Amino acid sequence: MPAGHNGGPPLEDKHRPEWGDGGIGNYFYWKATHRAAWHNPSSGIVAFRIRKAERLGLTYEEYTLEILERGRHLQIEDVERIAEIKRARVQRAANYRS
């Protein structure tokens, strides 16, 4: 223990780089791809997704993430998946508040 240390826990968290504890790997490729996926849609596509998300009871971000992550456009018949997304929203909100 260095001189002057009281043996208590550190006051600041150890620095953790944006790419996590592992190596940098493909971090910059993933970051560029993520940026491109969110910034490329035309205004017409964005408007379509907003209308569709509202009809399904989702946010634009939730609907777009479903497209980006799973490659599928949700339909009104996808009741189970929509319910999962809404449950995750409630869980995220609860985690955010705590």
PDB file of N, CA and C in Angstrom:
ATOM      1  N   MET A   1       0.841  -1.167   0.000  1.00  0.00           N
ATOM      2  CA  MET A   1       0.000   0.000   0.000  1.00  0.00           C
ATOM      3  C   MET A   1       0.898   1.246   0.000  1.00  0.00           C
ATOM      4  N   PRO A   2       0.619   2.221  -0.861  1.00  0.00           N
ATOM      5  CA  PRO A   2       1.445   3.428  -0.890  1.00  0.00           C
ATOM      6  C   PRO A   2       1.277   4.253   0.388  1.00  0.00           C
ATOM      7  N   ALA A   3       2.281   5.042   0.683  1.00  0.00           N
ATOM      8  CA  ALA A   3       2.235   5.899   1.868  1.00  0.00           C
ATOM      9  C   ALA A   3       1.045   6.851   1.768  1.00  0.00           C
ATOM     10  N   GLY A   4       0.353   7.054   2.868  1.00  0.00           N
ATOM     11  CA  GLY A   4      -0.783   7.966   2.888  1.00  0.00           C
ATOM     12  C   GLY A   4      -2.100   7.325   2.484  1.00  0.00           C
ATOM     13  N   HIS A   5      -2.088   6.026   2.140  1.00  0.00           N
ATOM     14  CA  HIS A   5      -3.311   5.335   1.734  1.00  0.00           C
ATOM     15  C   HIS A   5      -4.004   4.790   2.972  1.00  0.00           C
ATOM     16  N   ASN A   6      -5.300   4.986   3.086  1.00  0.00           N
ATOM     17  CA  ASN A   6      -6.018   4.539   4.278  1.00  0.00           C
ATOM     18  C   ASN A   6      -6.580   3.125   4.157  1.00  0.00           C
ATOM     19  N   GLY A   7      -6.349   2.468   3.027  1.00  0.00           N
ATOM     20  CA  GLY A   7      -6.812   1.098   2.839  1.00  0.00           C
ATOM     21  C   GLY A   7      -8.269   0.990   2.417  1.00  0.00           C
ATOM     22  N   GLY A   8      -8.928   2.115   2.185  1.00  0.00           N
ATOM     23  CA  GLY A   8     -10.326   2.092   1.768  1.00  0.00           C
ATOM     24  C   GLY A   8     -10.462   1.850   0.271  1.00  0.00           C
ATOM     25  N   PRO A   9     -11.691   1.799  -0.214  1.00  0.00           N
ATOM     26  CA  PRO A   9     -11.909   1.576  -1.652  1.00  0.00           C
ATOM     27  C   PRO A   9     -11.471   2.796  -2.464  1.00  0.00           C
ATOM     28  N   PRO A  10     -11.157   2.596  -3.737  1.00  0.00           N
ATOM     29  CA  PRO A  10     -10.758   3.736  -4.570  1.00  0.00           C
ATOM     30  C   PRO A  10     -11.917   4.725  -4.730  1.00  0.00           C
ATOM     31  N   LEU A  11     -11.597   5.995  -4.854  1.00  0.00           N
ATOM     32  CA  LEU A  11     -12.619   7.025  -5.006  1.00  0.00           C
ATOM     33  C   LEU A  11     -13.141   7.108  -6.430  1.00  0.00           C
ATOM     34  N   GLU A  12     -12.332   6.717  -7.393  1.00  0.00           N
ATOM     35  CA  GLU A  12     -12.733   6.772  -8.796  1.00  0.00           C
ATOM     36  C   GLU A  12     -12.648   5.377  -9.396  1.00  0.00           C
ATOM     37  N   ASP A  13     -13.563   5.091 -10.313  1.00  0.00           N
ATOM     38  CA  ASP A  13     -13.518   3.810 -11.011  1.00  0.00           C
ATOM     39  C   ASP A  13     -12.310   3.771 -11.923  1.00  0.00           C
ATOM     40  N   LYS A  14     -11.798   2.557 -12.112  1.00  0.00           N
ATOM     41  CA  LYS A  14     -10.686   2.369 -13.032  1.00  0.00           C
ATOM     42  C   LYS A  14     -11.153   2.738 -14.442  1.00  0.00           C
ATOM     43  N   HIS A  15     -10.306   3.433 -15.194  1.00  0.00           N
ATOM     44  CA  HIS A  15     -10.671   3.839 -16.557  1.00  0.00           C
ATOM     45  C   HIS A  15     -10.940   2.604 -17.407  1.00  0.00           C
ATOM     46  N   ARG A  16     -12.051   2.629 -18.126  1.00  0.00           N
ATOM     47  CA  ARG A  16     -12.405   1.536 -19.032  1.00  0.00           C
ATOM     48  C   ARG A  16     -12.628   2.145 -20.403  1.00  0.00           C
ATOM     49  N   PRO A  17     -11.844   1.735 -21.406  1.00  0.00           N
ATOM     50  CA  PRO A  17     -12.019   2.314 -22.739  1.00  0.00           C
ATOM     51  C   PRO A  17     -13.396   1.982 -23.317  1.00  0.00           C
ATOM     52  N   GLU A  18     -13.804   2.757 -24.295  1.00  0.00           N
ATOM     53  CA  GLU A  18     -15.126   2.614 -24.909  1.00  0.00           C
ATOM     54  C   GLU A  18     -15.354   1.220 -25.485  1.00  0.00           C
ATOM     55  N   TRP A  19     -14.295   0.550 -25.921  1.00  0.00           N
ATOM     56  CA  TRP A  19     -14.438  -0.767 -26.547  1.00  0.00           C
ATOM     57  C   TRP A  19     -14.401  -1.891 -25.527  1.00  0.00           C
ATOM     58  N   GLY A  20     -14.326  -1.591 -24.252  1.00  0.00           N
ATOM     59  CA  GLY A  20     -14.407  -2.612 -23.212  1.00  0.00           C
ATOM     60  C   GLY A  20     -13.049  -3.083 -22.735  1.00  0.00           C
ATOM     61  N   ASP A  21     -13.076  -4.209 -22.051  1.00  0.00           N
ATOM     62  CA  ASP A  21     -11.860  -4.734 -21.435  1.00  0.00           C
ATOM     63  C   ASP A  21     -11.019  -5.561 -22.393  1.00  0.00           C
ATOM     64  N   GLY A  22     -11.617  -6.091 -23.440  1.00  0.00           N
ATOM     65  CA  GLY A  22     -10.871  -6.897 -24.399  1.00  0.00           C
ATOM     66  C   GLY A  22     -10.050  -6.015 -25.325  1.00  0.00           C
ATOM     67  N   GLY A  23      -9.462  -6.632 -26.317  1.00  0.00           N
ATOM     68  CA  GLY A  23      -8.693  -5.870 -27.297  1.00  0.00           C
ATOM     69  C   GLY A  23      -9.588  -4.991 -28.150  1.00  0.00           C
ATOM     70  N   ILE A  24      -8.965  -4.122 -28.892  1.00  0.00           N
ATOM     71  CA  ILE A  24      -9.728  -3.169 -29.700  1.00  0.00           C
ATOM     72  C   ILE A  24     -10.403  -3.865 -30.885  1.00  0.00           C
ATOM     73  N   GLY A  25      -9.805  -4.947 -31.369  1.00  0.00           N
ATOM     74  CA  GLY A  25     -10.431  -5.769 -32.407  1.00  0.00           C
ATOM     75  C   GLY A  25     -11.039  -4.973 -33.539  1.00  0.00           C
ATOM     76  N   ASN A  26     -12.292  -5.225 -33.816  1.00  0.00           N
ATOM     77  CA  ASN A  26     -13.007  -4.570 -34.917  1.00  0.00           C
ATOM     78  C   ASN A  26     -13.847  -3.395 -34.444  1.00  0.00           C
ATOM     79  N   TYR A  27     -13.487  -2.821 -33.324  1.00  0.00           N
ATOM     80  CA  TYR A  27     -14.287  -1.757 -32.722  1.00  0.00           C
ATOM     81  C   TYR A  27     -14.598  -0.646 -33.717  1.00  0.00           C
ATOM     82  N   PHE A  28     -13.615  -0.136 -34.433  1.00  0.00           N
ATOM     83  CA  PHE A  28     -13.839   1.005 -35.324  1.00  0.00           C
ATOM     84  C   PHE A  28     -14.693   0.627 -36.531  1.00  0.00           C
ATOM     85  N   TYR A  29     -14.584  -0.620 -37.000  1.00  0.00           N
ATOM     86  CA  TYR A  29     -15.453  -1.076 -38.087  1.00  0.00           C
ATOM     87  C   TYR A  29     -16.908  -1.115 -37.613  1.00  0.00           C
ATOM     88  N   TRP A  30     -17.128  -1.662 -36.416  1.00  0.00           N
ATOM     89  CA  TRP A  30     -18.479  -1.732 -35.871  1.00  0.00           C
ATOM     90  C   TRP A  30     -19.046  -0.343 -35.641  1.00  0.00           C
ATOM     91  N   LYS A  31     -18.224   0.557 -35.139  1.00  0.00           N
ATOM     92  CA  LYS A  31     -18.687   1.919 -34.859  1.00  0.00           C
ATOM     93  C   LYS A  31     -19.098   2.621 -36.157  1.00  0.00           C
ATOM     94  N   ALA A  32     -18.297   2.481 -37.205  1.00  0.00           N
ATOM     95  CA  ALA A  32     -18.623   3.103 -38.492  1.00  0.00           C
ATOM     96  C   ALA A  32     -19.897   2.493 -39.086  1.00  0.00           C
ATOM     97  N   THR A  33     -20.039   1.181 -38.977  1.00  0.00           N
ATOM     98  CA  THR A  33     -21.223   0.509 -39.502  1.00  0.00           C
ATOM     99  C   THR A  33     -22.471   0.940 -38.740  1.00  0.00           C
ATOM    100  N   HIS A  34     -22.360   1.033 -37.431  1.00  0.00           N
ATOM    101  CA  HIS A  34     -23.490   1.478 -36.614  1.00  0.00           C
ATOM    102  C   HIS A  34     -23.905   2.891 -36.999  1.00  0.00           C
ATOM    103  N   ARG A  35     -22.926   3.766 -37.160  1.00  0.00           N
ATOM    104  CA  ARG A  35     -23.209   5.156 -37.541  1.00  0.00           C
ATOM    105  C   ARG A  35     -23.896   5.195 -38.907  1.00  0.00           C
ATOM    106  N   ALA A  36     -23.387   4.412 -39.849  1.00  0.00           N
ATOM    107  CA  ALA A  36     -23.972   4.395 -41.193  1.00  0.00           C
ATOM    108  C   ALA A  36     -25.406   3.862 -41.172  1.00  0.00           C
ATOM    109  N   ALA A  37     -25.656   2.848 -40.353  1.00  0.00           N
ATOM    110  CA  ALA A  37     -26.996   2.261 -40.291  1.00  0.00           C
ATOM    111  C   ALA A  37     -28.019   3.258 -39.758  1.00  0.00           C
ATOM    112  N   TRP A  38     -27.617   4.098 -38.822  1.00  0.00           N
ATOM    113  CA  TRP A  38     -28.557   5.036 -38.221  1.00  0.00           C
ATOM    114  C   TRP A  38     -28.672   6.336 -38.992  1.00  0.00           C
ATOM    115  N   HIS A  39     -27.702   6.679 -39.813  1.00  0.00           N
ATOM    116  CA  HIS A  39     -27.732   7.989 -40.464  1.00  0.00           C
ATOM    117  C   HIS A  39     -28.043   7.948 -41.959  1.00  0.00           C
ATOM    118  N   ASN A  40     -28.202   6.788 -42.543  1.00  0.00           N
ATOM    119  CA  ASN A  40     -28.398   6.716 -43.987  1.00  0.00           C
ATOM    120  C   ASN A  40     -29.831   6.782 -44.500  1.00  0.00           C
ATOM    121  N   PRO A  41     -30.847   6.427 -43.717  1.00  0.00           N
ATOM    122  CA  PRO A  41     -32.188   6.375 -44.311  1.00  0.00           C
ATOM    123  C   PRO A  41     -32.650   7.731 -44.845  1.00  0.00           C
ATOM    124  N   SER A  42     -33.335   7.676 -45.970  1.00  0.00           N
ATOM    125  CA  SER A  42     -33.892   8.906 -46.541  1.00  0.00           C
ATOM    126  C   SER A  42     -35.063   9.372 -45.680  1.00  0.00           C
ATOM    127  N   SER A  43     -35.497  10.588 -45.906  1.00  0.00           N
ATOM    128  CA  SER A  43     -36.605  11.132 -45.114  1.00  0.00           C
ATOM    129  C   SER A  43     -37.887  10.330 -45.333  1.00  0.00           C
ATOM    130  N   GLY A  44     -38.073   9.797 -46.532  1.00  0.00           N
ATOM    131  CA  GLY A  44     -39.253   8.973 -46.809  1.00  0.00           C
ATOM    132  C   GLY A  44     -39.251   7.687 -45.996  1.00  0.00           C
ATOM    133  N   ILE A  45     -38.089   7.048 -45.896  1.00  0.00           N
ATOM    134  CA  ILE A  45     -37.978   5.815 -45.115  1.00  0.00           C
ATOM    135  C   ILE A  45     -38.197   6.111 -43.637  1.00  0.00           C
ATOM    136  N   VAL A  46     -37.616   7.205 -43.165  1.00  0.00           N
ATOM    137  CA  VAL A  46     -37.791   7.584 -41.759  1.00  0.00           C
ATOM    138  C   VAL A  46     -39.267   7.833 -41.464  1.00  0.00           C
ATOM    139  N   ALA A  47     -39.948   8.559 -42.339  1.00  0.00           N
ATOM    140  CA  ALA A  47     -41.375   8.841 -42.143  1.00  0.00           C
ATOM    141  C   ALA A  47     -42.191   7.546 -42.133  1.00  0.00           C
ATOM    142  N   PHE A  48     -41.868   6.620 -43.043  1.00  0.00           N
ATOM    143  CA  PHE A  48     -42.560   5.330 -43.084  1.00  0.00           C
ATOM    144  C   PHE A  48     -42.355   4.572 -41.776  1.00  0.00           C
ATOM    145  N   ARG A  49     -41.103   4.527 -41.299  1.00  0.00           N
ATOM    146  CA  ARG A  49     -40.806   3.800 -40.064  1.00  0.00           C
ATOM    147  C   ARG A  49     -41.501   4.433 -38.858  1.00  0.00           C
ATOM    148  N   ILE A  50     -41.572   5.742 -38.827  1.00  0.00           N
ATOM    149  CA  ILE A  50     -42.253   6.420 -37.714  1.00  0.00           C
ATOM    150  C   ILE A  50     -43.731   6.047 -37.701  1.00  0.00           C
ATOM    151  N   ARG A  51     -44.378   6.105 -38.875  1.00  0.00           N
ATOM    152  CA  ARG A  51     -45.807   5.750 -38.952  1.00  0.00           C
ATOM    153  C   ARG A  51     -46.029   4.292 -38.549  1.00  0.00           C
ATOM    154  N   LYS A  52     -45.176   3.415 -39.067  1.00  0.00           N
ATOM    155  CA  LYS A  52     -45.309   1.986 -38.773  1.00  0.00           C
ATOM    156  C   LYS A  52     -45.092   1.722 -37.284  1.00  0.00           C
ATOM    157  N   ALA A  53     -44.074   2.354 -36.705  1.00  0.00           N
ATOM    158  CA  ALA A  53     -43.790   2.173 -35.275  1.00  0.00           C
ATOM    159  C   ALA A  53     -44.964   2.644 -34.428  1.00  0.00           C
ATOM    160  N   GLU A  54     -45.540   3.781 -34.785  1.00  0.00           N
ATOM    161  CA  GLU A  54     -46.693   4.301 -34.034  1.00  0.00           C
ATOM    162  C   GLU A  54     -47.875   3.346 -34.112  1.00  0.00           C
ATOM    163  N   ARG A  55     -48.110   2.764 -35.290  1.00  0.00           N
ATOM    164  CA  ARG A  55     -49.215   1.803 -35.435  1.00  0.00           C
ATOM    165  C   ARG A  55     -49.002   0.576 -34.556  1.00  0.00           C
ATOM    166  N   LEU A  56     -47.723   0.194 -34.361  1.00  0.00           N
ATOM    167  CA  LEU A  56     -47.404  -0.984 -33.559  1.00  0.00           C
ATOM    168  C   LEU A  56     -47.251  -0.660 -32.074  1.00  0.00           C
ATOM    169  N   GLY A  57     -47.275   0.625 -31.731  1.00  0.00           N
ATOM    170  CA  GLY A  57     -47.103   1.026 -30.335  1.00  0.00           C
ATOM    171  C   GLY A  57     -45.652   1.051 -29.890  1.00  0.00           C
ATOM    172  N   LEU A  58     -44.738   1.194 -30.856  1.00  0.00           N
ATOM    173  CA  LEU A  58     -43.305   1.228 -30.566  1.00  0.00           C
ATOM    174  C   LEU A  58     -42.747   2.612 -30.865  1.00  0.00           C
ATOM    175  N   THR A  59     -41.531   2.849 -30.405  1.00  0.00           N
ATOM    176  CA  THR A  59     -40.841   4.079 -30.778  1.00  0.00           C
ATOM    177  C   THR A  59     -40.104   3.834 -32.093  1.00  0.00           C
ATOM    178  N   TYR A  60     -39.701   4.917 -32.740  1.00  0.00           N
ATOM    179  CA  TYR A  60     -38.924   4.798 -33.976  1.00  0.00           C
ATOM    180  C   TYR A  60     -37.661   3.981 -33.722  1.00  0.00           C
ATOM    181  N   GLU A  61     -36.985   4.261 -32.594  1.00  0.00           N
ATOM    182  CA  GLU A  61     -35.740   3.565 -32.281  1.00  0.00           C
ATOM    183  C   GLU A  61     -35.968   2.068 -32.091  1.00  0.00           C
ATOM    184  N   GLU A  62     -37.027   1.704 -31.382  1.00  0.00           N
ATOM    185  CA  GLU A  62     -37.319   0.285 -31.159  1.00  0.00           C
ATOM    186  C   GLU A  62     -37.613  -0.423 -32.477  1.00  0.00           C
ATOM    187  N   TYR A  63     -38.406   0.203 -33.322  1.00  0.00           N
ATOM    188  CA  TYR A  63     -38.753  -0.405 -34.606  1.00  0.00           C
ATOM    189  C   TYR A  63     -37.513  -0.541 -35.493  1.00  0.00           C
ATOM    190  N   THR A  64     -36.704   0.515 -35.542  1.00  0.00           N
ATOM    191  CA  THR A  64     -35.507   0.490 -36.382  1.00  0.00           C
ATOM    192  C   THR A  64     -34.500  -0.529 -35.860  1.00  0.00           C
ATOM    193  N   LEU A  65     -34.344  -0.633 -34.544  1.00  0.00           N
ATOM    194  CA  LEU A  65     -33.438  -1.635 -33.987  1.00  0.00           C
ATOM    195  C   LEU A  65     -33.863  -3.045 -34.376  1.00  0.00           C
ATOM    196  N   GLU A  66     -35.155  -3.293 -34.408  1.00  0.00           N
ATOM    197  CA  GLU A  66     -35.641  -4.614 -34.816  1.00  0.00           C
ATOM    198  C   GLU A  66     -35.223  -4.909 -36.258  1.00  0.00           C
ATOM    199  N   ILE A  67     -35.304  -3.914 -37.115  1.00  0.00           N
ATOM    200  CA  ILE A  67     -34.885  -4.090 -38.508  1.00  0.00           C
ATOM    201  C   ILE A  67     -33.380  -4.335 -38.575  1.00  0.00           C
ATOM    202  N   LEU A  68     -32.606  -3.514 -37.858  1.00  0.00           N
ATOM    203  CA  LEU A  68     -31.147  -3.626 -37.918  1.00  0.00           C
ATOM    204  C   LEU A  68     -30.637  -4.909 -37.274  1.00  0.00           C
ATOM    205  N   GLU A  69     -31.225  -5.317 -36.152  1.00  0.00           N
ATOM    206  CA  GLU A  69     -30.739  -6.489 -35.436  1.00  0.00           C
ATOM    207  C   GLU A  69     -31.223  -7.799 -36.035  1.00  0.00           C
ATOM    208  N   ARG A  70     -32.471  -7.845 -36.485  1.00  0.00           N
ATOM    209  CA  ARG A  70     -33.045  -9.108 -36.931  1.00  0.00           C
ATOM    210  C   ARG A  70     -33.371  -9.150 -38.415  1.00  0.00           C
ATOM    211  N   GLY A  71     -33.292  -8.003 -39.063  1.00  0.00           N
ATOM    212  CA  GLY A  71     -33.536  -7.973 -40.494  1.00  0.00           C
ATOM    213  C   GLY A  71     -34.989  -8.175 -40.876  1.00  0.00           C
ATOM    214  N   ARG A  72     -35.894  -7.900 -39.959  1.00  0.00           N
ATOM    215  CA  ARG A  72     -37.307  -8.079 -40.292  1.00  0.00           C
ATOM    216  C   ARG A  72     -38.116  -6.855 -39.918  1.00  0.00           C
ATOM    217  N   HIS A  73     -39.102  -6.586 -40.738  1.00  0.00           N
ATOM    218  CA  HIS A  73     -40.032  -5.485 -40.507  1.00  0.00           C
ATOM    219  C   HIS A  73     -41.233  -6.062 -39.767  1.00  0.00           C
ATOM    220  N   LEU A  74     -41.445  -5.612 -38.543  1.00  0.00           N
ATOM    221  CA  LEU A  74     -42.542  -6.137 -37.733  1.00  0.00           C
ATOM    222  C   LEU A  74     -43.890  -5.841 -38.371  1.00  0.00           C
ATOM    223  N   GLN A  75     -44.794  -6.784 -38.207  1.00  0.00           N
ATOM    224  CA  GLN A  75     -46.167  -6.638 -38.675  1.00  0.00           C
ATOM    225  C   GLN A  75     -47.090  -6.671 -37.462  1.00  0.00           C
ATOM    226  N   ILE A  76     -48.317  -6.272 -37.634  1.00  0.00           N
ATOM    227  CA  ILE A  76     -49.294  -6.254 -36.547  1.00  0.00           C
ATOM    228  C   ILE A  76     -49.512  -7.665 -35.979  1.00  0.00           C
ATOM    229  N   GLU A  77     -49.261  -8.693 -36.788  1.00  0.00           N
ATOM    230  CA  GLU A  77     -49.431 -10.080 -36.349  1.00  0.00           C
ATOM    231  C   GLU A  77     -48.311 -10.540 -35.414  1.00  0.00           C
ATOM    232  N   ASP A  78     -47.214  -9.816 -35.344  1.00  0.00           N
ATOM    233  CA  ASP A  78     -46.067 -10.191 -34.508  1.00  0.00           C
ATOM    234  C   ASP A  78     -46.293  -9.761 -33.058  1.00  0.00           C
ATOM    235  N   VAL A  79     -47.404 -10.193 -32.507  1.00  0.00           N
ATOM    236  CA  VAL A  79     -47.844  -9.751 -31.182  1.00  0.00           C
ATOM    237  C   VAL A  79     -46.824 -10.110 -30.106  1.00  0.00           C
ATOM    238  N   GLU A  80     -46.294 -11.334 -30.152  1.00  0.00           N
ATOM    239  CA  GLU A  80     -45.359 -11.774 -29.114  1.00  0.00           C
ATOM    240  C   GLU A  80     -44.085 -10.937 -29.116  1.00  0.00           C
ATOM    241  N   ARG A  81     -43.520 -10.708 -30.287  1.00  0.00           N
ATOM    242  CA  ARG A  81     -42.272  -9.934 -30.366  1.00  0.00           C
ATOM    243  C   ARG A  81     -42.508  -8.485 -29.934  1.00  0.00           C
ATOM    244  N   ILE A  82     -43.611  -7.899 -30.326  1.00  0.00           N
ATOM    245  CA  ILE A  82     -43.927  -6.523 -29.932  1.00  0.00           C
ATOM    246  C   ILE A  82     -44.070  -6.448 -28.411  1.00  0.00           C
ATOM    247  N   ALA A  83     -44.718  -7.451 -27.818  1.00  0.00           N
ATOM    248  CA  ALA A  83     -44.866  -7.484 -26.359  1.00  0.00           C
ATOM    249  C   ALA A  83     -43.501  -7.596 -25.682  1.00  0.00           C
ATOM    250  N   GLU A  84     -42.586  -8.400 -26.247  1.00  0.00           N
ATOM    251  CA  GLU A  84     -41.226  -8.512 -25.700  1.00  0.00           C
ATOM    252  C   GLU A  84     -40.520  -7.160 -25.709  1.00  0.00           C
ATOM    253  N   ILE A  85     -40.639  -6.445 -26.812  1.00  0.00           N
ATOM    254  CA  ILE A  85     -39.990  -5.137 -26.936  1.00  0.00           C
ATOM    255  C   ILE A  85     -40.554  -4.171 -25.901  1.00  0.00           C
ATOM    256  N   LYS A  86     -41.863  -4.199 -25.716  1.00  0.00           N
ATOM    257  CA  LYS A  86     -42.489  -3.301 -24.737  1.00  0.00           C
ATOM    258  C   LYS A  86     -42.082  -3.667 -23.310  1.00  0.00           C
ATOM    259  N   ARG A  87     -41.966  -4.976 -23.014  1.00  0.00           N
ATOM    260  CA  ARG A  87     -41.504  -5.392 -21.682  1.00  0.00           C
ATOM    261  C   ARG A  87     -40.074  -4.925 -21.443  1.00  0.00           C
ATOM    262  N   ALA A  88     -39.240  -5.021 -22.469  1.00  0.00           N
ATOM    263  CA  ALA A  88     -37.849  -4.567 -22.343  1.00  0.00           C
ATOM    264  C   ALA A  88     -37.803  -3.064 -22.102  1.00  0.00           C
ATOM    265  N   ARG A  89     -38.723  -2.320 -22.710  1.00  0.00           N
ATOM    266  CA  ARG A  89     -38.793  -0.868 -22.514  1.00  0.00           C
ATOM    267  C   ARG A  89     -39.078  -0.557 -21.047  1.00  0.00           C
ATOM    268  N   VAL A  90     -40.039  -1.259 -20.468  1.00  0.00           N
ATOM    269  CA  VAL A  90     -40.394  -1.044 -19.062  1.00  0.00           C
ATOM    270  C   VAL A  90     -39.206  -1.396 -18.168  1.00  0.00           C
ATOM    271  N   GLN A  91     -38.535  -2.487 -18.496  1.00  0.00           N
ATOM    272  CA  GLN A  91     -37.379  -2.918 -17.710  1.00  0.00           C
ATOM    273  C   GLN A  91     -36.248  -1.894 -17.805  1.00  0.00           C
ATOM    274  N   ARG A  92     -35.995  -1.357 -19.001  1.00  0.00           N
ATOM    275  CA  ARG A  92     -34.952  -0.335 -19.167  1.00  0.00           C
ATOM    276  C   ARG A  92     -35.288   0.904 -18.352  1.00  0.00           C
ATOM    277  N   ALA A  93     -36.557   1.300 -18.370  1.00  0.00           N
ATOM    278  CA  ALA A  93     -36.975   2.483 -17.610  1.00  0.00           C
ATOM    279  C   ALA A  93     -36.779   2.262 -16.115  1.00  0.00           C
ATOM    280  N   ALA A  94     -37.092   1.060 -15.639  1.00  0.00           N
ATOM    281  CA  ALA A  94     -36.914   0.755 -14.214  1.00  0.00           C
ATOM    282  C   ALA A  94     -35.435   0.769 -13.846  1.00  0.00           C
ATOM    283  N   ASN A  95     -34.586   0.221 -14.712  1.00  0.00           N
ATOM    284  CA  ASN A  95     -33.142   0.214 -14.458  1.00  0.00           C
ATOM    285  C   ASN A  95     -32.578   1.622 -14.496  1.00  0.00           C
ATOM    286  N   TYR A  96     -33.122   2.458 -15.363  1.00  0.00           N
ATOM    287  CA  TYR A  96     -32.642   3.831 -15.501  1.00  0.00           C
ATOM    288  C   TYR A  96     -32.933   4.627 -14.231  1.00  0.00           C
ATOM    289  N   ARG A  97     -34.119   4.387 -13.648  1.00  0.00           N
ATOM    290  CA  ARG A  97     -34.519   5.126 -12.445  1.00  0.00           C
ATOM    291  C   ARG A  97     -33.737   4.702 -11.216  1.00  0.00           C
ATOM    292  N   SER A  98     -33.284   3.453 -11.183  1.00  0.00           N
ATOM    293  CA  SER A  98     -32.596   2.980  -9.972  1.00  0.00           C
ATOM    294  C   SER A  98     -31.126   3.293  -9.974  1.00  0.00           C
TER     295      SER A  98
END
